[in-house]
Amino acid sequence: MTRNLIELLVLYQDLDLMLKETAEAEATMGFEMEGREKLRKAMDDIAKNISPRFLRTYQRLHTRFKRPIVPVQNDVCLGCFAKLPTSYGEKGRKDQMIYTCEQCGRILYWVE
């Protein structure tokens, strides 16, 4: 369950970033790009499968950070590069629950 939630949140974040980059590119180029509505629809479809609590958390973090969900590699948050507590290590890899960085507050996910 939690593994799927993290995957959905990361996908939601990626689509959100694509929409923002598309809007910036349109402003620079002066014409509209195709596919924005498809991205927006896909983002809405994904949002329906994510708990409102986590969407609110994502939106709150997104006001502070461009990427509110970041990977963890070698027990280091790749958002702020802080070393995570050792208690996060094994538990986070098993994806038993959602973890946030104690330093920056971003949502974490582990990469192999």
C-alpha atoms as a PDB file:
ATOM      1  CA  MET A   1       0.000   0.000   0.000  1.00  0.00           C
ATOM      2  CA  THR A   2       2.609   2.556   1.029  1.00  0.00           C
ATOM      3  CA  ARG A   3       4.912   1.597  -1.821  1.00  0.00           C
ATOM      4  CA  ASN A   4       2.127   2.333  -4.296  1.00  0.00           C
ATOM      5  CA  LEU A   5       1.354   5.618  -2.542  1.00  0.00           C
ATOM      6  CA  ILE A   6       4.959   6.788  -2.845  1.00  0.00           C
ATOM      7  CA  GLU A   7       5.025   5.781  -6.509  1.00  0.00           C
ATOM      8  CA  LEU A   8       1.805   7.730  -7.121  1.00  0.00           C
ATOM      9  CA  LEU A   9       3.172  10.783  -5.302  1.00  0.00           C
ATOM     10  CA  VAL A  10       6.394  10.696  -7.329  1.00  0.00           C
ATOM     11  CA  LEU A  11       4.404  10.357 -10.559  1.00  0.00           C
ATOM     12  CA  TYR A  12       2.154  13.232  -9.480  1.00  0.00           C
ATOM     13  CA  GLN A  13       5.227  15.363  -8.768  1.00  0.00           C
ATOM     14  CA  ASP A  14       6.755  14.529 -12.168  1.00  0.00           C
ATOM     15  CA  LEU A  15       3.566  15.492 -14.003  1.00  0.00           C
ATOM     16  CA  ASP A  16       3.337  18.702 -11.979  1.00  0.00           C
ATOM     17  CA  LEU A  17       6.913  19.597 -12.959  1.00  0.00           C
ATOM     18  CA  MET A  18       6.191  18.804 -16.629  1.00  0.00           C
ATOM     19  CA  LEU A  19       3.174  21.123 -16.585  1.00  0.00           C
ATOM     20  CA  LYS A  20       5.205  23.946 -15.053  1.00  0.00           C
ATOM     21  CA  GLU A  21       8.044  23.469 -17.561  1.00  0.00           C
ATOM     22  CA  THR A  22       5.524  23.451 -20.408  1.00  0.00           C
ATOM     23  CA  ALA A  23       3.980  26.711 -19.192  1.00  0.00           C
ATOM     24  CA  GLU A  24       7.435  28.310 -18.956  1.00  0.00           C
ATOM     25  CA  ALA A  25       8.350  27.094 -22.444  1.00  0.00           C
ATOM     26  CA  GLU A  26       5.083  28.444 -23.865  1.00  0.00           C
ATOM     27  CA  ALA A  27       5.747  31.842 -22.322  1.00  0.00           C
ATOM     28  CA  THR A  28       9.223  31.901 -23.850  1.00  0.00           C
ATOM     29  CA  MET A  29       8.247  30.631 -27.294  1.00  0.00           C
ATOM     30  CA  GLY A  30       5.001  32.550 -27.619  1.00  0.00           C
ATOM     31  CA  PHE A  31       2.757  29.690 -28.716  1.00  0.00           C
ATOM     32  CA  GLU A  32       0.875  26.857 -27.031  1.00  0.00           C
ATOM     33  CA  MET A  33       2.225  23.328 -26.929  1.00  0.00           C
ATOM     34  CA  GLU A  34       0.059  20.289 -27.467  1.00  0.00           C
ATOM     35  CA  GLY A  35      -0.613  17.772 -24.727  1.00  0.00           C
ATOM     36  CA  ARG A  36      -1.039  20.042 -21.714  1.00  0.00           C
ATOM     37  CA  GLU A  37      -4.624  18.927 -21.234  1.00  0.00           C
ATOM     38  CA  LYS A  38      -3.562  15.284 -21.336  1.00  0.00           C
ATOM     39  CA  LEU A  39      -0.952  15.948 -18.645  1.00  0.00           C
ATOM     40  CA  ARG A  40      -3.508  17.791 -16.532  1.00  0.00           C
ATOM     41  CA  LYS A  41      -6.044  14.961 -16.936  1.00  0.00           C
ATOM     42  CA  ALA A  42      -3.425  12.342 -16.015  1.00  0.00           C
ATOM     43  CA  MET A  43      -2.504  14.387 -12.954  1.00  0.00           C
ATOM     44  CA  ASP A  44      -6.170  14.605 -11.905  1.00  0.00           C
ATOM     45  CA  ASP A  45      -6.595  10.845 -12.388  1.00  0.00           C
ATOM     46  CA  ILE A  46      -3.586  10.144 -10.187  1.00  0.00           C
ATOM     47  CA  ALA A  47      -4.809  12.617  -7.555  1.00  0.00           C
ATOM     48  CA  LYS A  48      -8.026  10.595  -7.211  1.00  0.00           C
ATOM     49  CA  ASN A  49      -5.955   7.619  -6.014  1.00  0.00           C
ATOM     50  CA  ILE A  50      -3.965   9.603  -3.426  1.00  0.00           C
ATOM     51  CA  SER A  51      -5.287  10.335   0.037  1.00  0.00           C
ATOM     52  CA  PRO A  52      -6.297  14.014   0.448  1.00  0.00           C
ATOM     53  CA  ARG A  53      -4.052  14.177   3.509  1.00  0.00           C
ATOM     54  CA  PHE A  54      -0.965  13.396   1.432  1.00  0.00           C
ATOM     55  CA  LEU A  55      -2.009  15.733  -1.380  1.00  0.00           C
ATOM     56  CA  ARG A  56      -2.290  18.569   1.149  1.00  0.00           C
ATOM     57  CA  THR A  57       1.159  17.682   2.485  1.00  0.00           C
ATOM     58  CA  TYR A  58       2.528  17.666  -1.068  1.00  0.00           C
ATOM     59  CA  GLN A  59       0.953  21.070  -1.831  1.00  0.00           C
ATOM     60  CA  ARG A  60       2.281  22.575   1.408  1.00  0.00           C
ATOM     61  CA  LEU A  61       5.808  21.322   0.705  1.00  0.00           C
ATOM     62  CA  HIS A  62       5.551  22.404  -2.938  1.00  0.00           C
ATOM     63  CA  THR A  63       5.221  26.020  -1.828  1.00  0.00           C
ATOM     64  CA  ARG A  64       8.725  25.750  -0.306  1.00  0.00           C
ATOM     65  CA  PHE A  65      10.470  23.315  -2.634  1.00  0.00           C
ATOM     66  CA  LYS A  66      10.467  22.661  -6.361  1.00  0.00           C
ATOM     67  CA  ARG A  67      10.693  18.929  -5.586  1.00  0.00           C
ATOM     68  CA  PRO A  68       8.859  18.081  -2.349  1.00  0.00           C
ATOM     69  CA  ILE A  69       9.472  14.332  -2.781  1.00  0.00           C
ATOM     70  CA  VAL A  70      13.112  13.283  -2.980  1.00  0.00           C
ATOM     71  CA  PRO A  71      15.062  10.025  -3.053  1.00  0.00           C
ATOM     72  CA  VAL A  72      17.338   8.718  -0.330  1.00  0.00           C
ATOM     73  CA  GLN A  73      20.662   7.230  -1.312  1.00  0.00           C
ATOM     74  CA  ASN A  74      23.263   5.892   1.116  1.00  0.00           C
ATOM     75  CA  ASP A  75      21.079   7.143   4.015  1.00  0.00           C
ATOM     76  CA  VAL A  76      21.308  10.731   2.756  1.00  0.00           C
ATOM     77  CA  CYS A  77      18.329  12.917   1.816  1.00  0.00           C
ATOM     78  CA  LEU A  78      19.041  14.085  -1.731  1.00  0.00           C
ATOM     79  CA  GLY A  79      16.965  17.208  -1.156  1.00  0.00           C
ATOM     80  CA  CYS A  80      19.099  18.795   1.560  1.00  0.00           C
ATOM     81  CA  PHE A  81      21.967  16.261   1.713  1.00  0.00           C
ATOM     82  CA  ALA A  82      21.461  15.621   5.416  1.00  0.00           C
ATOM     83  CA  LYS A  83      22.399  12.250   6.874  1.00  0.00           C
ATOM     84  CA  LEU A  84      19.265  10.458   8.042  1.00  0.00           C
ATOM     85  CA  PRO A  85      18.948   8.701  11.399  1.00  0.00           C
ATOM     86  CA  THR A  86      19.970   5.044  11.301  1.00  0.00           C
ATOM     87  CA  SER A  87      16.461   4.062  12.390  1.00  0.00           C
ATOM     88  CA  TYR A  88      15.160   5.174   8.973  1.00  0.00           C
ATOM     89  CA  GLY A  89      17.440   2.839   7.030  1.00  0.00           C
ATOM     90  CA  GLU A  90      15.888  -0.601   7.057  1.00  0.00           C
ATOM     91  CA  LYS A  91      12.346   0.572   7.787  1.00  0.00           C
ATOM     92  CA  GLY A  92      12.363   3.013   4.882  1.00  0.00           C
ATOM     93  CA  ARG A  93      13.605   0.430   2.420  1.00  0.00           C
ATOM     94  CA  LYS A  94      10.727  -1.865   3.356  1.00  0.00           C
ATOM     95  CA  ASP A  95       8.324   1.045   2.737  1.00  0.00           C
ATOM     96  CA  GLN A  96       6.260   0.361   5.834  1.00  0.00           C
ATOM     97  CA  MET A  97       5.260   3.990   6.158  1.00  0.00           C
ATOM     98  CA  ILE A  98       5.933   7.407   4.705  1.00  0.00           C
ATOM     99  CA  TYR A  99       8.983   9.174   6.073  1.00  0.00           C
ATOM    100  CA  THR A 100       9.963  12.813   5.965  1.00  0.00           C
ATOM    101  CA  CYS A 101      13.417  14.308   6.324  1.00  0.00           C
ATOM    102  CA  GLU A 102      14.048  15.691   9.795  1.00  0.00           C
ATOM    103  CA  GLN A 103      16.060  18.584   8.325  1.00  0.00           C
ATOM    104  CA  CYS A 104      14.056  19.844   5.344  1.00  0.00           C
ATOM    105  CA  GLY A 105      10.682  18.114   5.833  1.00  0.00           C
ATOM    106  CA  ARG A 106      10.505  16.623   2.322  1.00  0.00           C
ATOM    107  CA  ILE A 107       8.817  13.269   1.706  1.00  0.00           C
ATOM    108  CA  LEU A 108      11.418  10.537   1.223  1.00  0.00           C
ATOM    109  CA  TYR A 109      11.625   7.400  -0.871  1.00  0.00           C
ATOM    110  CA  TRP A 110      14.458   4.931  -1.122  1.00  0.00           C
ATOM    111  CA  VAL A 111      16.247   3.974  -4.328  1.00  0.00           C
ATOM    112  CA  GLU A 112      18.272   0.834  -4.742  1.00  0.00           C
END
